[in-house]
C-alpha atoms as a PDB file:
ATOM      1  CA  MET A   1      -9.418  23.343  -7.342  1.00  0.00           C
ATOM      2  CA  ASP A   2      -6.925  22.636  -4.584  1.00  0.00           C
ATOM      3  CA  LEU A   3      -7.071  18.772  -4.717  1.00  0.00           C
ATOM      4  CA  LYS A   4      -4.557  18.528  -1.836  1.00  0.00           C
ATOM      5  CA  ALA A   5      -7.659  19.342   0.464  1.00  0.00           C
ATOM      6  CA  LEU A   6      -8.566  15.720  -0.136  1.00  0.00           C
ATOM      7  CA  TYR A   7      -5.639  14.613   1.841  1.00  0.00           C
ATOM      8  CA  ARG A   8      -7.410  15.684   4.917  1.00  0.00           C
ATOM      9  CA  ILE A   9      -9.989  12.843   4.584  1.00  0.00           C
ATOM     10  CA  SER A  10      -9.000  10.095   6.943  1.00  0.00           C
ATOM     11  CA  TYR A  11      -7.754   6.807   5.434  1.00  0.00           C
ATOM     12  CA  GLY A  12      -6.009   3.624   6.747  1.00  0.00           C
ATOM     13  CA  LEU A  13      -3.526   1.499   4.945  1.00  0.00           C
ATOM     14  CA  TYR A  14      -4.166  -2.156   4.021  1.00  0.00           C
ATOM     15  CA  VAL A  15      -3.101  -5.083   2.090  1.00  0.00           C
ATOM     16  CA  ILE A  16      -6.022  -6.241  -0.152  1.00  0.00           C
ATOM     17  CA  SER A  17      -5.661  -9.814  -1.419  1.00  0.00           C
ATOM     18  CA  SER A  18      -7.510 -12.293  -3.523  1.00  0.00           C
ATOM     19  CA  ARG A  19      -7.108 -15.390  -5.630  1.00  0.00           C
ATOM     20  CA  LYS A  20      -7.781 -16.542  -9.202  1.00  0.00           C
ATOM     21  CA  LYS A  21      -8.061 -20.287  -9.627  1.00  0.00           C
ATOM     22  CA  GLY A  22      -4.654 -21.396  -8.390  1.00  0.00           C
ATOM     23  CA  LYS A  23      -2.988 -18.002  -8.318  1.00  0.00           C
ATOM     24  CA  LEU A  24      -2.823 -15.443  -5.371  1.00  0.00           C
ATOM     25  CA  ASN A  25      -2.052 -11.718  -5.354  1.00  0.00           C
ATOM     26  CA  GLY A  26      -2.345  -8.680  -3.104  1.00  0.00           C
ATOM     27  CA  GLN A  27      -1.850  -4.893  -3.271  1.00  0.00           C
ATOM     28  CA  ILE A  28      -1.884  -1.779  -0.978  1.00  0.00           C
ATOM     29  CA  ALA A  29      -5.096   0.021  -0.709  1.00  0.00           C
ATOM     30  CA  ASN A  30      -6.264   2.958   1.490  1.00  0.00           C
ATOM     31  CA  THR A  31      -9.995   3.101   0.652  1.00  0.00           C
ATOM     32  CA  LEU A  32     -11.396   0.302   2.624  1.00  0.00           C
ATOM     33  CA  PHE A  33     -14.386   1.164   4.942  1.00  0.00           C
ATOM     34  CA  GLN A  34     -17.180  -0.255   6.793  1.00  0.00           C
ATOM     35  CA  LEU A  35     -20.785   0.205   5.430  1.00  0.00           C
ATOM     36  CA  THR A  36     -23.038  -1.599   7.965  1.00  0.00           C
ATOM     37  CA  SER A  37     -22.807  -3.586  11.066  1.00  0.00           C
ATOM     38  CA  GLU A  38     -25.675  -5.901  10.725  1.00  0.00           C
ATOM     39  CA  PRO A  39     -24.947  -7.827   8.571  1.00  0.00           C
ATOM     40  CA  PRO A  40     -21.319  -6.501   8.576  1.00  0.00           C
ATOM     41  CA  THR A  41     -20.368  -5.220   5.216  1.00  0.00           C
ATOM     42  CA  VAL A  42     -17.346  -3.407   3.896  1.00  0.00           C
ATOM     43  CA  ALA A  43     -16.304  -1.659   0.680  1.00  0.00           C
ATOM     44  CA  VAL A  44     -13.014  -1.355  -1.118  1.00  0.00           C
ATOM     45  CA  SER A  45     -11.974   0.640  -4.061  1.00  0.00           C
ATOM     46  CA  ILE A  46      -9.561  -1.007  -6.592  1.00  0.00           C
ATOM     47  CA  ASN A  47      -8.208   0.315  -9.812  1.00  0.00           C
ATOM     48  CA  LYS A  48      -9.395  -1.611 -12.844  1.00  0.00           C
ATOM     49  CA  GLU A  49      -5.728  -1.864 -14.146  1.00  0.00           C
ATOM     50  CA  ASN A  50      -4.524  -3.730 -11.061  1.00  0.00           C
ATOM     51  CA  LEU A  51      -4.150  -7.522 -11.209  1.00  0.00           C
ATOM     52  CA  THR A  52      -6.025  -7.659  -7.852  1.00  0.00           C
ATOM     53  CA  HIS A  53      -9.052  -6.181  -9.442  1.00  0.00           C
ATOM     54  CA  GLN A  54      -9.064  -9.078 -11.827  1.00  0.00           C
ATOM     55  CA  PHE A  55      -8.795 -11.572  -9.194  1.00  0.00           C
ATOM     56  CA  ILE A  56     -11.595 -10.238  -7.058  1.00  0.00           C
ATOM     57  CA  ASP A  57     -13.816  -9.735  -9.925  1.00  0.00           C
ATOM     58  CA  GLU A  58     -13.482 -13.408 -10.964  1.00  0.00           C
ATOM     59  CA  SER A  59     -13.307 -14.996  -7.503  1.00  0.00           C
ATOM     60  CA  ARG A  60     -15.805 -12.691  -5.834  1.00  0.00           C
ATOM     61  CA  VAL A  61     -13.839 -12.755  -2.503  1.00  0.00           C
ATOM     62  CA  PHE A  62     -11.041 -10.652  -0.914  1.00  0.00           C
ATOM     63  CA  ALA A  63      -9.136 -10.346   2.366  1.00  0.00           C
ATOM     64  CA  ALA A  64      -7.992  -7.194   3.993  1.00  0.00           C
ATOM     65  CA  SER A  65      -5.018  -7.025   6.452  1.00  0.00           C
ATOM     66  CA  ILE A  66      -4.880  -3.923   8.575  1.00  0.00           C
ATOM     67  CA  LEU A  67      -1.165  -2.797   8.743  1.00  0.00           C
ATOM     68  CA  SER A  68       0.568  -1.564  11.922  1.00  0.00           C
ATOM     69  CA  GLU A  69       2.044   1.940  12.268  1.00  0.00           C
ATOM     70  CA  ASN A  70       5.488   0.502  12.284  1.00  0.00           C
ATOM     71  CA  THR A  71       5.217  -1.298   8.858  1.00  0.00           C
ATOM     72  CA  PRO A  72       8.476  -0.808   6.937  1.00  0.00           C
ATOM     73  CA  LEU A  73       8.416   1.182   3.770  1.00  0.00           C
ATOM     74  CA  LYS A  74       9.863  -1.544   1.940  1.00  0.00           C
ATOM     75  CA  PHE A  75       6.982  -3.904   2.800  1.00  0.00           C
ATOM     76  CA  ILE A  76       4.437  -1.206   1.678  1.00  0.00           C
ATOM     77  CA  GLY A  77       6.484  -0.749  -1.540  1.00  0.00           C
ATOM     78  CA  HIS A  78       6.572  -4.349  -2.235  1.00  0.00           C
ATOM     79  CA  PHE A  79       2.713  -4.462  -2.273  1.00  0.00           C
ATOM     80  CA  GLY A  80       2.127  -0.927  -3.590  1.00  0.00           C
ATOM     81  CA  PHE A  81       4.683  -0.409  -6.338  1.00  0.00           C
ATOM     82  CA  LYS A  82       5.319  -3.813  -7.935  1.00  0.00           C
ATOM     83  CA  SER A  83       3.093  -5.727 -10.094  1.00  0.00           C
ATOM     84  CA  GLY A  84       1.870  -9.328  -9.639  1.00  0.00           C
ATOM     85  CA  ARG A  85       2.102  -9.825 -13.379  1.00  0.00           C
ATOM     86  CA  GLU A  86       5.767  -9.566 -12.966  1.00  0.00           C
ATOM     87  CA  ILE A  87       6.654 -11.210  -9.541  1.00  0.00           C
ATOM     88  CA  ASP A  88       4.974 -13.510  -7.069  1.00  0.00           C
ATOM     89  CA  LYS A  89       4.374 -11.100  -4.297  1.00  0.00           C
ATOM     90  CA  LEU A  90       3.639 -13.740  -1.677  1.00  0.00           C
ATOM     91  CA  ILE A  91       7.167 -15.252  -1.846  1.00  0.00           C
ATOM     92  CA  ALA A  92       8.950 -14.749   1.421  1.00  0.00           C
ATOM     93  CA  VAL A  93       5.899 -13.114   2.954  1.00  0.00           C
ATOM     94  CA  ASN A  94       3.948 -14.865   5.807  1.00  0.00           C
ATOM     95  CA  TYR A  95       0.356 -15.577   4.915  1.00  0.00           C
ATOM     96  CA  LYS A  96      -2.305 -18.288   5.333  1.00  0.00           C
ATOM     97  CA  ILE A  97      -5.169 -19.401   3.146  1.00  0.00           C
ATOM     98  CA  GLY A  98      -8.395 -18.056   4.720  1.00  0.00           C
ATOM     99  CA  LYS A  99     -11.900 -19.113   4.998  1.00  0.00           C
ATOM    100  CA  THR A 100     -12.673 -17.652   1.470  1.00  0.00           C
ATOM    101  CA  LYS A 101      -9.567 -19.388   0.004  1.00  0.00           C
ATOM    102  CA  ALA A 102      -8.040 -16.000  -0.356  1.00  0.00           C
ATOM    103  CA  PRO A 103      -4.574 -15.335   0.961  1.00  0.00           C
ATOM    104  CA  VAL A 104      -4.403 -13.628   4.252  1.00  0.00           C
ATOM    105  CA  ILE A 105      -1.147 -11.497   4.702  1.00  0.00           C
ATOM    106  CA  LEU A 106       0.119 -11.775   8.318  1.00  0.00           C
ATOM    107  CA  ASP A 107       3.395  -9.895   8.282  1.00  0.00           C
ATOM    108  CA  ASN A 108       2.869  -6.353   9.937  1.00  0.00           C
ATOM    109  CA  THR A 109      -0.796  -7.204  10.276  1.00  0.00           C
ATOM    110  CA  LEU A 110      -2.787  -6.236  13.432  1.00  0.00           C
ATOM    111  CA  ALA A 111      -6.015  -7.825  12.435  1.00  0.00           C
ATOM    112  CA  TYR A 112      -7.679  -8.932   9.133  1.00  0.00           C
ATOM    113  CA  LEU A 113     -11.107  -9.628   7.466  1.00  0.00           C
ATOM    114  CA  GLU A 114     -12.381 -11.795   4.765  1.00  0.00           C
ATOM    115  CA  ALA A 115     -15.412 -10.831   2.603  1.00  0.00           C
ATOM    116  CA  GLU A 116     -17.585 -12.290  -0.100  1.00  0.00           C
ATOM    117  CA  VAL A 117     -18.680  -9.720  -2.832  1.00  0.00           C
ATOM    118  CA  ILE A 118     -22.181  -9.060  -2.923  1.00  0.00           C
ATOM    119  CA  LYS A 119     -22.277  -6.007  -5.248  1.00  0.00           C
ATOM    120  CA  LYS A 120     -19.904  -3.999  -7.315  1.00  0.00           C
ATOM    121  CA  ILE A 121     -20.171  -0.348  -8.512  1.00  0.00           C
ATOM    122  CA  ASP A 122     -18.314   0.882 -11.563  1.00  0.00           C
ATOM    123  CA  VAL A 123     -16.763   4.381 -10.726  1.00  0.00           C
ATOM    124  CA  GLY A 124     -14.692   4.874 -13.952  1.00  0.00           C
ATOM    125  CA  THR A 125     -11.016   4.090 -13.378  1.00  0.00           C
ATOM    126  CA  HIS A 126     -11.911   1.999 -10.227  1.00  0.00           C
ATOM    127  CA  THR A 127     -14.587  -0.481  -9.063  1.00  0.00           C
ATOM    128  CA  ILE A 128     -16.076  -0.367  -5.691  1.00  0.00           C
ATOM    129  CA  PHE A 129     -16.455  -3.997  -4.420  1.00  0.00           C
ATOM    130  CA  ILE A 130     -18.961  -4.290  -1.633  1.00  0.00           C
ATOM    131  CA  GLY A 131     -18.471  -7.545   0.515  1.00  0.00           C
ATOM    132  CA  LYS A 132     -20.155  -9.354   3.344  1.00  0.00           C
ATOM    133  CA  VAL A 133     -17.748 -10.008   6.037  1.00  0.00           C
ATOM    134  CA  VAL A 134     -17.451 -13.724   6.593  1.00  0.00           C
ATOM    135  CA  GLU A 135     -14.343 -13.879   8.929  1.00  0.00           C
ATOM    136  CA  VAL A 136     -12.365 -11.565  11.231  1.00  0.00           C
ATOM    137  CA  GLU A 137      -9.368 -12.020  13.510  1.00  0.00           C
ATOM    138  CA  ASN A 138      -7.240  -9.849  15.828  1.00  0.00           C
ATOM    139  CA  ILE A 139      -3.618 -10.930  15.541  1.00  0.00           C
ATOM    140  CA  LYS A 140      -1.851  -8.424  17.917  1.00  0.00           C
ATOM    141  CA  GLU A 141      -2.183  -5.124  19.604  1.00  0.00           C
ATOM    142  CA  GLY A 142      -0.761  -1.974  18.031  1.00  0.00           C
ATOM    143  CA  ILE A 143      -1.557   1.347  16.257  1.00  0.00           C
ATOM    144  CA  PRO A 144      -3.013   1.063  12.767  1.00  0.00           C
ATOM    145  CA  MET A 145      -1.185   2.750   9.976  1.00  0.00           C
ATOM    146  CA  THR A 146      -3.110   5.865   8.666  1.00  0.00           C
ATOM    147  CA  TYR A 147      -2.502   7.304   5.198  1.00  0.00           C
ATOM    148  CA  ALA A 148      -1.700  10.641   6.828  1.00  0.00           C
ATOM    149  CA  TYR A 149       1.037   8.976   8.994  1.00  0.00           C
ATOM    150  CA  TYR A 150       2.419   7.206   5.838  1.00  0.00           C
ATOM    151  CA  HIS A 151       2.328  10.296   3.757  1.00  0.00           C
ATOM    152  CA  GLU A 152       3.598  12.786   6.349  1.00  0.00           C
ATOM    153  CA  VAL A 153       5.879  10.697   8.787  1.00  0.00           C
ATOM    154  CA  LYS A 154       7.074   7.987   6.618  1.00  0.00           C
ATOM    155  CA  GLN A 155       7.305  10.275   3.551  1.00  0.00           C
ATOM    156  CA  GLY A 156       5.514   7.574   1.472  1.00  0.00           C
ATOM    157  CA  LYS A 157       3.808   8.182  -1.803  1.00  0.00           C
ATOM    158  CA  ALA A 158       0.592   6.937  -3.432  1.00  0.00           C
ATOM    159  CA  PRO A 159       0.868   4.793  -6.621  1.00  0.00           C
ATOM    160  CA  LYS A 160      -0.421   6.298  -9.742  1.00  0.00           C
ATOM    161  CA  THR A 161      -3.272   3.810  -9.742  1.00  0.00           C
ATOM    162  CA  ALA A 162      -4.425   4.771  -6.138  1.00  0.00           C
ATOM    163  CA  PRO A 163      -7.668   6.649  -5.714  1.00  0.00           C
ATOM    164  CA  THR A 164      -5.806   9.297  -3.706  1.00  0.00           C
ATOM    165  CA  TYR A 165      -2.982   9.781  -6.153  1.00  0.00           C
ATOM    166  CA  ILE A 166      -2.512  13.572  -6.987  1.00  0.00           C
ATOM    167  CA  LYS A 167       0.316  14.601  -9.311  1.00  0.00           C
ATOM    168  CA  GLU A 168       2.797  16.727  -7.404  1.00  0.00           C
ATOM    169  CA  GLU A 169       5.214  19.047  -8.917  1.00  0.00           C
ATOM    170  CA  PRO A 170       8.811  18.710  -7.662  1.00  0.00           C
ATOM    171  CA  LYS A 171       9.271  21.365  -4.733  1.00  0.00           C
ATOM    172  CA  LYS A 172      12.370  23.428  -4.090  1.00  0.00           C
ATOM    173  CA  ARG A 173      13.993  21.853  -1.119  1.00  0.00           C
ATOM    174  CA  GLY A 174      17.503  21.482   0.153  1.00  0.00           C
ATOM    175  CA  ARG A 175      20.163  20.767  -2.265  1.00  0.00           C
ATOM    176  CA  ASP A 176      20.966  17.543  -0.322  1.00  0.00           C
ATOM    177  CA  LYS A 177      17.615  15.947  -0.895  1.00  0.00           C
ATOM    178  CA  TYR A 178      17.116  13.452  -3.757  1.00  0.00           C
ATOM    179  CA  ARG A 179      13.760  12.403  -5.327  1.00  0.00           C
ATOM    180  CA  CYS A 180      13.201   8.956  -6.866  1.00  0.00           C
ATOM    181  CA  THR A 181      12.040   9.520 -10.259  1.00  0.00           C
ATOM    182  CA  VAL A 182       9.983   6.198 -10.304  1.00  0.00           C
ATOM    183  CA  CYS A 183       7.849   6.659  -7.294  1.00  0.00           C
ATOM    184  CA  GLY A 184       8.508  10.092  -5.902  1.00  0.00           C
ATOM    185  CA  TYR A 185      10.035   9.104  -2.697  1.00  0.00           C
ATOM    186  CA  VAL A 186      12.297  11.856  -1.252  1.00  0.00           C
ATOM    187  CA  TYR A 187      15.528  10.949   0.579  1.00  0.00           C
ATOM    188  CA  ASP A 188      16.072  13.457   3.306  1.00  0.00           C
ATOM    189  CA  PRO A 189      19.544  13.216   4.852  1.00  0.00           C
ATOM    190  CA  GLU A 190      18.135  14.658   8.078  1.00  0.00           C
ATOM    191  CA  LYS A 191      15.936  11.701   8.461  1.00  0.00           C
ATOM    192  CA  GLY A 192      18.009   8.943   6.882  1.00  0.00           C
ATOM    193  CA  ASP A 193      16.281   5.558   6.228  1.00  0.00           C
ATOM    194  CA  PRO A 194      15.994   3.810   9.490  1.00  0.00           C
ATOM    195  CA  ASP A 195      14.068   1.019   8.098  1.00  0.00           C
ATOM    196  CA  SER A 196      17.138   0.223   5.941  1.00  0.00           C
ATOM    197  CA  GLY A 197      19.685   0.938   8.801  1.00  0.00           C
ATOM    198  CA  ILE A 198      20.536   4.278   7.404  1.00  0.00           C
ATOM    199  CA  LYS A 199      21.161   6.682  10.245  1.00  0.00           C
ATOM    200  CA  PRO A 200      19.896  10.328  10.134  1.00  0.00           C
ATOM    201  CA  GLY A 201      22.544  12.676   8.862  1.00  0.00           C
ATOM    202  CA  THR A 202      23.627  10.415   6.217  1.00  0.00           C
ATOM    203  CA  SER A 203      24.087  12.137   2.852  1.00  0.00           C
ATOM    204  CA  PHE A 204      22.865  10.615  -0.257  1.00  0.00           C
ATOM    205  CA  GLU A 205      26.427  10.423  -1.537  1.00  0.00           C
ATOM    206  CA  GLU A 206      27.313   8.265   1.591  1.00  0.00           C
ATOM    207  CA  LEU A 207      24.627   5.704   0.874  1.00  0.00           C
ATOM    208  CA  PRO A 208      25.924   2.358  -0.075  1.00  0.00           C
ATOM    209  CA  ASP A 209      25.948   1.693  -3.644  1.00  0.00           C
ATOM    210  CA  ASP A 210      23.427  -1.170  -3.247  1.00  0.00           C
ATOM    211  CA  TRP A 211      20.948   1.102  -1.361  1.00  0.00           C
ATOM    212  CA  ILE A 212      17.493   1.038  -2.905  1.00  0.00           C
ATOM    213  CA  CYS A 213      14.417   3.208  -2.599  1.00  0.00           C
ATOM    214  CA  PRO A 214      12.439   2.005   0.295  1.00  0.00           C
ATOM    215  CA  ILE A 215       9.125   2.239  -1.448  1.00  0.00           C
ATOM    216  CA  CYS A 216       9.636   1.038  -4.972  1.00  0.00           C
ATOM    217  CA  GLY A 217      13.069  -0.639  -4.887  1.00  0.00           C
ATOM    218  CA  ALA A 218      14.553   1.542  -7.544  1.00  0.00           C
ATOM    219  CA  GLY A 219      18.393   2.029  -7.436  1.00  0.00           C
ATOM    220  CA  LYS A 220      20.433   5.140  -6.566  1.00  0.00           C
ATOM    221  CA  GLU A 221      20.788   5.833 -10.324  1.00  0.00           C
ATOM    222  CA  GLU A 222      16.915   6.547 -10.404  1.00  0.00           C
ATOM    223  CA  PHE A 223      17.288   9.365  -8.086  1.00  0.00           C
ATOM    224  CA  GLU A 224      17.796  13.064  -9.012  1.00  0.00           C
ATOM    225  CA  LYS A 225      18.721  15.947  -6.820  1.00  0.00           C
ATOM    226  CA  GLU A 226      16.123  18.396  -5.860  1.00  0.00           C
ATOM    227  CA  THR A 227      16.927  22.034  -6.738  1.00  0.00           C
END
């Protein structure tokens, strides 16, 4: 089967956040969708290995921040490729405590919703949490980030715990392109890394020594040339 056909299914990109007693956490997810309008209910699919899954399962609440199209890769990588077991993801991030007491991420957010879990479905590696929406708010105007835009324009990759993750074999590309061995991000000199101030036309060798992968934060030493 050509599983890449599944890339044609439309997705958004969101920060799903929750709480567990006095602790807060959040992660990137792209499988959030509305189920009904009256009462308003939504569903989100979360990998069982993720800390956010543990938080939602215990607190029975979650918030979802709808990200804008111009969200920096570094921000997405912070919530998508780092673990809340190792760092406090909410340090230096603007958020507020919502109606459900879950944290609502405000940076790069167009709108958000909060939900109380009314049912969960075990689907193997993931759990689908179905929630009744108890709060929504529009924050600013803008174009929502889609997974297609993130994947094709931003050149972003899916974490291995994402429902849409498909292992890709390295492709033969230009000799000047370098791939991150941690997350799969490809640095393309023709595009540069505008979010980090790297102009198009900058070769990998010309990147500053302290430049890091815009998605997972890996250093240059974690990159290898594509052949």
